[in-house]
Amino acid sequence: MIPLSVLDLATVATGSSPARAFAETTALSIEVERLGYKRLWVAEHHGMPAVASSAPAVLIAHLADATTTLRVGSGGVMLPNHAPLVVAEQFATLEALHPGRIDLGLGRAPGTDHVTARALRRTLDLGADSFPNDVVELIKYLLPSDEAPAHPFANPGSGYLPEMWLLGSSTFSAQLAGILGLSFSFAYHFAPRELDAALAAYRANFQPSIVLREPRVMVAVSVICAPSTQEARWLSGSTALSIVQMRTGRPGQLPSPEEAAAYAFTPIEEEIAAEAMATHLIGDQEAVANGLSLLEQRTQADEFMISTRLHSLDARIKSYALVAEVWGTPELPGSEVAD
């Protein structure tokens, strides 16, 4: 059984606020550390009422202070939104403050709509075409000086290299991660169709690098686990309605299960929800464990990153606890997972 990690978006549920979302993410990080999860990542999104993690570096600093052994990082920073030097200095600072516990996952998408993307960059150029060069530039700022020419204008810089990952939902980022010799995390939780092709492209193109000698794959998967499958499916209504609202141009805070149960889905909305939720692992412990086992066999992944978006913090923590118990994590008795 491979290690498990957590992807959290600092979810703002209906009736809540960003401040409360940050407090809940902090509480979640402490709890999943206790449960033996390997790392917790937060993702950069903008213009989304249900997602408060728009400034990952700031939130990561707080989460790292609140925990002691958990790796904390970005899943990811959307590099086209930022100058590589800015990201390098932010994450070098985090690495200096919390040595050996910081991850820098980089994404190629803006993480928002085009209007917000322009407000972030103050330009019409979305910058995605320069992504490969920007990744290389960023890494060069942080490599030890004996591995690459020093860049004195990155401070902190040389020698403060966090664990590097490329994130992707297509073969483009997979190929780039392989060519650059970086770890690769695939977004199966929202782009399941490209999974097999992307992992094959990554492994076929992998070249050992200064930072990584062998391919390393993480697969992000949506999971909702409850004592019964019936309860898990009821809880999943929040996610289903949220997806429908987003894809029909009506983004809002994450609905409650009660709101989802009372909502009258149109036939088209039912199709949207069914397609989006088809690859989510929703059920009791046995169902989720079986689903993860099949996905591990299919992907030969080195790690799973679990995303559990639920209206209630208690329900989220309960889901992660049930998964840790049935799957096994380093801190739990009987676990076969090595950190």
Protein backbone atom coordinates (compact mmCIF):
# COMPACT_ATOMS: atom_id res chain seq x y z
CA MET A 1 0.00 0.00 0.00
CA ILE A 2 1.45 3.31 -1.13
CA PRO A 3 1.54 6.50 1.00
CA LEU A 4 -1.46 8.80 1.18
CA SER A 5 -1.46 12.59 1.15
CA VAL A 6 -4.10 15.31 1.22
CA LEU A 7 -5.16 18.07 -1.19
CA ASP A 8 -7.16 20.83 0.48
CA LEU A 9 -8.61 23.98 -1.06
CA ALA A 10 -9.47 25.89 2.14
CA THR A 11 -13.09 25.28 1.24
CA VAL A 12 -15.59 28.02 2.02
CA ALA A 13 -18.91 26.30 2.72
CA THR A 14 -22.29 28.02 2.70
CA GLY A 15 -22.73 29.99 5.90
CA SER A 16 -18.96 30.11 6.44
CA SER A 17 -16.16 32.57 5.61
CA PRO A 18 -12.55 32.50 4.33
CA ALA A 19 -11.29 33.06 7.89
CA ARG A 20 -13.19 30.00 9.09
CA ALA A 21 -11.99 28.03 6.05
CA PHE A 22 -8.37 28.78 6.99
CA ALA A 23 -9.01 27.71 10.58
CA GLU A 24 -10.55 24.46 9.35
CA THR A 25 -7.64 23.75 6.99
CA THR A 26 -5.27 24.31 9.90
CA ALA A 27 -7.25 21.91 12.09
CA LEU A 28 -7.31 19.40 9.24
CA SER A 29 -3.52 19.60 8.78
CA ILE A 30 -2.97 18.81 12.46
CA GLU A 31 -5.37 15.88 12.30
CA VAL A 32 -4.03 14.29 9.09
CA GLU A 33 -0.50 14.60 10.49
CA ARG A 34 -1.68 12.59 13.50
CA LEU A 35 -3.30 10.04 11.19
CA GLY A 36 -0.01 9.50 9.35
CA TYR A 37 -0.65 11.20 6.02
CA LYS A 38 2.59 12.14 4.27
CA ARG A 39 1.87 15.66 3.04
CA LEU A 40 -0.86 18.27 2.68
CA TRP A 41 -1.02 20.58 -0.33
CA VAL A 42 -3.12 23.67 -0.95
CA ALA A 43 -3.96 24.87 -4.45
CA GLU A 44 -3.90 28.34 -5.99
CA HIS A 45 -7.31 29.34 -7.31
CA HIS A 46 -8.75 32.80 -7.90
CA GLY A 47 -12.23 34.18 -8.33
CA MET A 48 -13.90 31.10 -6.82
CA PRO A 49 -16.22 31.78 -3.87
CA ALA A 50 -15.77 28.25 -2.49
CA VAL A 51 -11.95 28.32 -2.52
CA ALA A 52 -9.92 30.54 -0.18
CA SER A 53 -6.42 29.25 -1.01
CA SER A 54 -5.52 32.06 -3.41
CA ALA A 55 -2.15 32.75 -1.72
CA PRO A 56 -0.54 29.32 -1.22
CA ALA A 57 2.83 30.51 0.11
CA VAL A 58 1.17 32.49 2.93
CA LEU A 59 -1.12 29.61 3.88
CA ILE A 60 1.72 27.05 3.68
CA ALA A 61 3.78 29.10 6.15
CA HIS A 62 0.91 29.03 8.62
CA LEU A 63 0.26 25.30 8.16
CA ALA A 64 3.93 24.44 8.54
CA ASP A 65 4.00 26.37 11.83
CA ALA A 66 0.95 24.45 13.04
CA THR A 67 2.48 21.01 12.33
CA THR A 68 5.80 19.30 13.02
CA THR A 69 6.35 16.34 10.65
CA LEU A 70 3.79 16.79 7.87
CA ARG A 71 5.20 17.92 4.52
CA VAL A 72 3.32 21.03 3.37
CA GLY A 73 3.22 22.46 -0.11
CA SER A 74 1.44 23.77 -3.17
CA GLY A 75 -0.72 21.69 -5.41
CA GLY A 76 -0.01 23.95 -7.03
CA VAL A 77 1.31 27.40 -7.65
CA MET A 78 0.10 28.49 -11.10
CA LEU A 79 3.41 29.67 -12.47
CA PRO A 80 2.06 31.72 -15.43
CA ASN A 81 0.54 34.07 -12.82
CA HIS A 82 3.92 34.94 -11.30
CA ALA A 83 7.50 35.87 -12.06
CA PRO A 84 9.71 32.79 -11.45
CA LEU A 85 11.97 34.84 -9.15
CA VAL A 86 9.04 35.73 -6.88
CA VAL A 87 8.00 32.08 -6.51
CA ALA A 88 11.62 31.02 -5.98
CA GLU A 89 12.14 33.50 -3.16
CA GLN A 90 8.81 32.66 -1.51
CA PHE A 91 9.48 28.94 -1.42
CA ALA A 92 13.16 29.28 -0.61
CA THR A 93 12.05 31.29 2.43
CA LEU A 94 9.63 28.52 3.39
CA GLU A 95 12.34 25.89 2.94
CA ALA A 96 14.75 27.91 5.09
CA LEU A 97 12.11 28.21 7.81
CA HIS A 98 11.01 24.56 7.63
CA PRO A 99 13.92 22.53 6.19
CA GLY A 100 12.93 19.31 4.47
CA ARG A 101 9.18 19.83 4.86
CA ILE A 102 8.26 22.10 1.92
CA ASP A 103 6.95 21.00 -1.50
CA LEU A 104 6.65 23.24 -4.56
CA GLY A 105 4.14 21.89 -7.05
CA LEU A 106 3.86 23.95 -10.23
CA GLY A 107 0.92 24.18 -12.62
CA ARG A 108 0.61 25.59 -16.14
CA ALA A 109 -3.02 26.78 -16.01
CA PRO A 110 -4.04 30.16 -14.59
CA GLY A 111 -6.35 28.58 -12.02
CA THR A 112 -9.12 31.05 -12.85
CA ASP A 113 -11.02 32.77 -15.67
CA HIS A 114 -9.33 34.98 -18.25
CA VAL A 115 -10.58 38.24 -16.73
CA THR A 116 -9.10 37.39 -13.34
CA ALA A 117 -5.94 36.06 -15.00
CA ARG A 118 -5.44 39.43 -16.68
CA ALA A 119 -5.94 41.21 -13.35
CA LEU A 120 -3.25 38.99 -11.82
CA ARG A 121 -0.71 39.61 -14.59
CA ARG A 122 -1.78 43.06 -15.79
CA THR A 123 -1.27 41.85 -19.36
CA LEU A 124 -3.14 40.08 -22.14
CA ASP A 125 -0.33 37.53 -22.45
CA LEU A 126 -1.41 34.47 -20.43
CA GLY A 127 2.18 33.20 -20.34
CA ALA A 128 1.48 29.48 -20.72
CA ASP A 129 3.83 29.18 -23.72
CA SER A 130 6.80 30.26 -21.58
CA PHE A 131 6.02 27.70 -18.87
CA PRO A 132 8.91 25.28 -19.63
CA ASN A 133 11.47 28.10 -19.59
CA ASP A 134 9.95 29.58 -16.45
CA VAL A 135 10.22 26.23 -14.64
CA VAL A 136 13.89 25.90 -15.57
CA GLU A 137 14.58 29.51 -14.53
CA LEU A 138 12.91 28.98 -11.16
CA ILE A 139 14.87 25.81 -10.42
CA LYS A 140 18.18 27.47 -11.34
CA TYR A 141 17.58 30.14 -8.71
CA LEU A 142 17.40 27.46 -6.02
CA LEU A 143 19.96 24.81 -6.98
CA PRO A 144 23.08 24.61 -4.82
CA SER A 145 25.81 26.81 -6.27
CA ASP A 146 28.00 23.80 -7.06
CA GLU A 147 25.24 22.40 -9.29
CA ALA A 148 24.39 25.56 -11.26
CA PRO A 149 25.60 29.14 -11.67
CA ALA A 150 24.56 31.19 -8.67
CA HIS A 151 21.93 33.91 -9.08
CA PRO A 152 22.81 36.52 -6.46
CA PHE A 153 19.55 38.42 -6.99
CA ALA A 154 17.54 35.47 -5.60
CA ASN A 155 17.76 35.81 -1.84
CA PRO A 156 17.14 33.39 -0.29
CA GLY A 157 18.02 31.28 -3.28
CA SER A 158 20.91 28.92 -3.86
CA GLY A 159 20.68 25.80 -1.71
CA TYR A 160 17.09 26.32 -0.48
CA LEU A 161 15.42 23.96 -2.93
CA PRO A 162 12.05 22.52 -1.82
CA GLU A 163 10.82 19.20 -3.17
CA MET A 164 9.80 19.96 -6.76
CA TRP A 165 6.73 18.60 -8.58
CA LEU A 166 5.05 19.36 -11.88
CA LEU A 167 1.28 19.09 -11.87
CA GLY A 168 -0.74 18.24 -14.91
CA SER A 169 -3.98 17.06 -16.46
CA SER A 170 -2.60 16.33 -19.94
CA THR A 171 0.37 14.79 -21.71
CA PHE A 172 2.10 18.18 -22.11
CA SER A 173 3.04 18.61 -18.46
CA ALA A 174 3.70 14.87 -18.21
CA GLN A 175 6.27 14.99 -21.00
CA LEU A 176 7.85 18.15 -19.58
CA ALA A 177 8.14 16.61 -16.11
CA GLY A 178 9.87 13.61 -17.64
CA ILE A 179 12.27 15.64 -19.75
CA LEU A 180 13.21 17.86 -16.80
CA GLY A 181 13.51 14.92 -14.41
CA LEU A 182 10.89 16.13 -11.95
CA SER A 183 8.26 14.30 -9.93
CA PHE A 184 4.83 14.33 -11.60
CA SER A 185 1.38 14.62 -10.03
CA PHE A 186 -1.60 13.88 -12.27
CA ALA A 187 -5.01 15.49 -11.65
CA TYR A 188 -7.14 12.37 -12.02
CA HIS A 189 -9.73 13.99 -9.74
CA PHE A 190 -10.83 16.33 -12.52
CA ALA A 191 -9.22 15.01 -15.74
CA PRO A 192 -9.58 11.21 -15.65
CA ARG A 193 -9.54 10.61 -19.41
CA GLU A 194 -5.88 11.53 -19.85
CA LEU A 195 -4.57 9.45 -16.94
CA ASP A 196 -3.04 6.48 -18.77
CA ALA A 197 -1.62 8.50 -21.66
CA ALA A 198 -0.08 11.09 -19.33
CA LEU A 199 1.63 8.56 -17.07
CA ALA A 200 2.95 6.65 -20.09
CA ALA A 201 4.32 9.89 -21.57
CA TYR A 202 5.98 10.84 -18.29
CA ARG A 203 7.71 7.50 -17.85
CA ALA A 204 8.74 7.25 -21.50
CA ASN A 205 10.32 10.72 -21.46
CA PHE A 206 11.90 10.60 -18.01
CA GLN A 207 15.54 11.63 -17.78
CA PRO A 208 17.39 11.55 -14.44
CA SER A 209 18.19 15.00 -13.11
CA ILE A 210 19.96 16.75 -10.26
CA VAL A 211 16.77 16.64 -8.21
CA LEU A 212 15.37 13.19 -9.13
CA ARG A 213 17.02 9.96 -10.27
CA GLU A 214 13.97 7.80 -11.00
CA PRO A 215 10.39 8.58 -12.08
CA ARG A 216 8.00 9.37 -9.25
CA VAL A 217 4.25 9.52 -9.81
CA MET A 218 1.46 10.85 -7.62
CA VAL A 219 -2.19 10.52 -8.58
CA ALA A 220 -4.75 12.92 -7.13
CA VAL A 221 -8.14 11.28 -6.58
CA SER A 222 -11.41 12.48 -5.06
CA VAL A 223 -12.56 10.34 -2.13
CA ILE A 224 -15.58 10.50 0.17
CA CYS A 225 -15.62 7.79 2.81
CA ALA A 226 -18.26 7.29 5.50
CA PRO A 227 -19.39 4.44 7.76
CA SER A 228 -21.95 3.47 5.11
CA THR A 229 -22.09 3.91 1.34
CA GLN A 230 -25.52 5.49 1.71
CA GLU A 231 -24.11 8.21 3.98
CA ALA A 232 -21.12 8.78 1.69
CA ARG A 233 -23.39 9.26 -1.33
CA TRP A 234 -25.57 11.69 0.61
CA LEU A 235 -22.49 13.71 1.62
CA SER A 236 -21.27 13.73 -1.99
CA GLY A 237 -24.28 15.80 -3.03
CA SER A 238 -22.35 18.91 -1.98
CA THR A 239 -19.62 18.22 -4.51
CA ALA A 240 -22.07 17.28 -7.27
CA LEU A 241 -24.07 20.49 -6.91
CA SER A 242 -20.91 22.60 -6.63
CA ILE A 243 -19.60 21.15 -9.90
CA VAL A 244 -22.90 21.86 -11.64
CA GLN A 245 -22.91 25.43 -10.38
CA MET A 246 -19.34 25.98 -11.55
CA ARG A 247 -19.84 24.49 -15.01
CA THR A 248 -23.05 26.40 -15.62
CA GLY A 249 -21.51 29.75 -14.72
CA ARG A 250 -23.00 30.06 -11.22
CA PRO A 251 -20.05 29.51 -8.86
CA GLY A 252 -20.80 29.86 -5.18
CA GLN A 253 -19.78 28.61 -1.77
CA LEU A 254 -19.82 24.84 -1.27
CA PRO A 255 -23.46 23.76 -0.71
CA SER A 256 -24.53 21.57 2.17
CA PRO A 257 -25.85 18.04 1.61
CA GLU A 258 -29.28 19.33 2.59
CA GLU A 259 -29.11 22.04 -0.08
CA ALA A 260 -28.03 19.48 -2.64
CA ALA A 261 -30.83 17.08 -1.68
CA ALA A 262 -33.40 19.85 -2.07
CA TYR A 263 -32.05 21.08 -5.42
CA ALA A 264 -34.02 20.18 -8.56
CA PHE A 265 -31.36 19.07 -11.07
CA THR A 266 -32.34 19.42 -14.73
CA PRO A 267 -31.61 16.44 -17.01
CA ILE A 268 -28.57 18.25 -18.42
CA GLU A 269 -27.31 19.06 -14.92
CA GLU A 270 -27.76 15.43 -13.90
CA GLU A 271 -25.55 14.42 -16.83
CA ILE A 272 -22.92 16.98 -15.85
CA ALA A 273 -22.88 15.74 -12.27
CA ALA A 274 -22.87 12.04 -13.21
CA GLU A 275 -19.95 12.45 -15.63
CA ALA A 276 -17.92 14.55 -13.20
CA MET A 277 -18.51 12.22 -10.25
CA ALA A 278 -18.00 8.95 -12.13
CA THR A 279 -14.36 8.54 -11.08
CA HIS A 280 -14.81 9.76 -7.50
CA LEU A 281 -14.40 7.02 -4.91
CA ILE A 282 -17.53 7.27 -2.79
CA GLY A 283 -18.55 4.65 -0.25
CA ASP A 284 -17.68 2.82 2.92
CA GLN A 285 -14.17 1.71 3.85
CA GLU A 286 -14.28 -1.48 1.79
CA ALA A 287 -15.49 0.30 -1.35
CA VAL A 288 -12.89 3.05 -1.09
CA ALA A 289 -10.05 0.62 -0.35
CA ASN A 290 -11.04 -1.52 -3.34
CA GLY A 291 -11.15 1.56 -5.55
CA LEU A 292 -7.72 2.74 -4.43
CA SER A 293 -6.28 -0.75 -4.91
CA LEU A 294 -7.56 -0.93 -8.48
CA LEU A 295 -6.19 2.54 -9.21
CA GLU A 296 -2.82 1.57 -7.75
CA GLN A 297 -2.68 -1.52 -9.98
CA ARG A 298 -3.66 0.56 -13.01
CA THR A 299 -1.21 3.40 -12.47
CA GLN A 300 1.66 1.88 -10.46
CA ALA A 301 1.64 5.21 -8.65
CA ASP A 302 4.12 5.92 -5.87
CA GLU A 303 1.60 7.95 -3.86
CA PHE A 304 -2.05 8.99 -3.79
CA MET A 305 -3.17 12.51 -2.98
CA ILE A 306 -6.73 12.44 -1.69
CA SER A 307 -9.11 15.34 -2.19
CA THR A 308 -12.19 15.30 0.04
CA ARG A 309 -14.48 18.31 -0.31
CA LEU A 310 -17.28 18.18 2.22
CA HIS A 311 -19.42 20.88 3.79
CA SER A 312 -18.60 19.83 7.35
CA LEU A 313 -15.07 19.75 8.77
CA ASP A 314 -16.10 16.87 11.02
CA ALA A 315 -17.23 14.85 7.98
CA ARG A 316 -13.95 15.62 6.19
CA ILE A 317 -11.85 14.52 9.15
CA LYS A 318 -13.98 11.39 9.57
CA SER A 319 -13.48 10.49 5.91
CA TYR A 320 -9.70 10.88 6.12
CA ALA A 321 -9.63 8.86 9.35
CA LEU A 322 -11.62 5.99 7.82
CA VAL A 323 -9.36 5.90 4.75
CA ALA A 324 -6.21 5.95 6.88
CA GLU A 325 -7.57 3.13 9.02
CA VAL A 326 -8.45 0.83 6.13
CA TRP A 327 -5.50 1.68 3.87
CA GLY A 328 -2.76 1.97 6.47
CA THR A 329 -0.49 4.95 7.11
CA PRO A 330 2.94 5.09 8.77
CA GLU A 331 1.67 6.20 12.18
CA LEU A 332 -1.14 3.64 12.48
CA PRO A 333 -0.67 0.15 13.96
CA GLY A 334 -0.27 -2.58 11.39
CA SER A 335 0.62 -0.22 8.55
CA GLU A 336 2.81 -1.49 5.74
CA VAL A 337 3.46 1.94 4.31
CA ALA A 338 6.98 3.34 4.54
CA ASP A 339 7.42 7.09 4.66
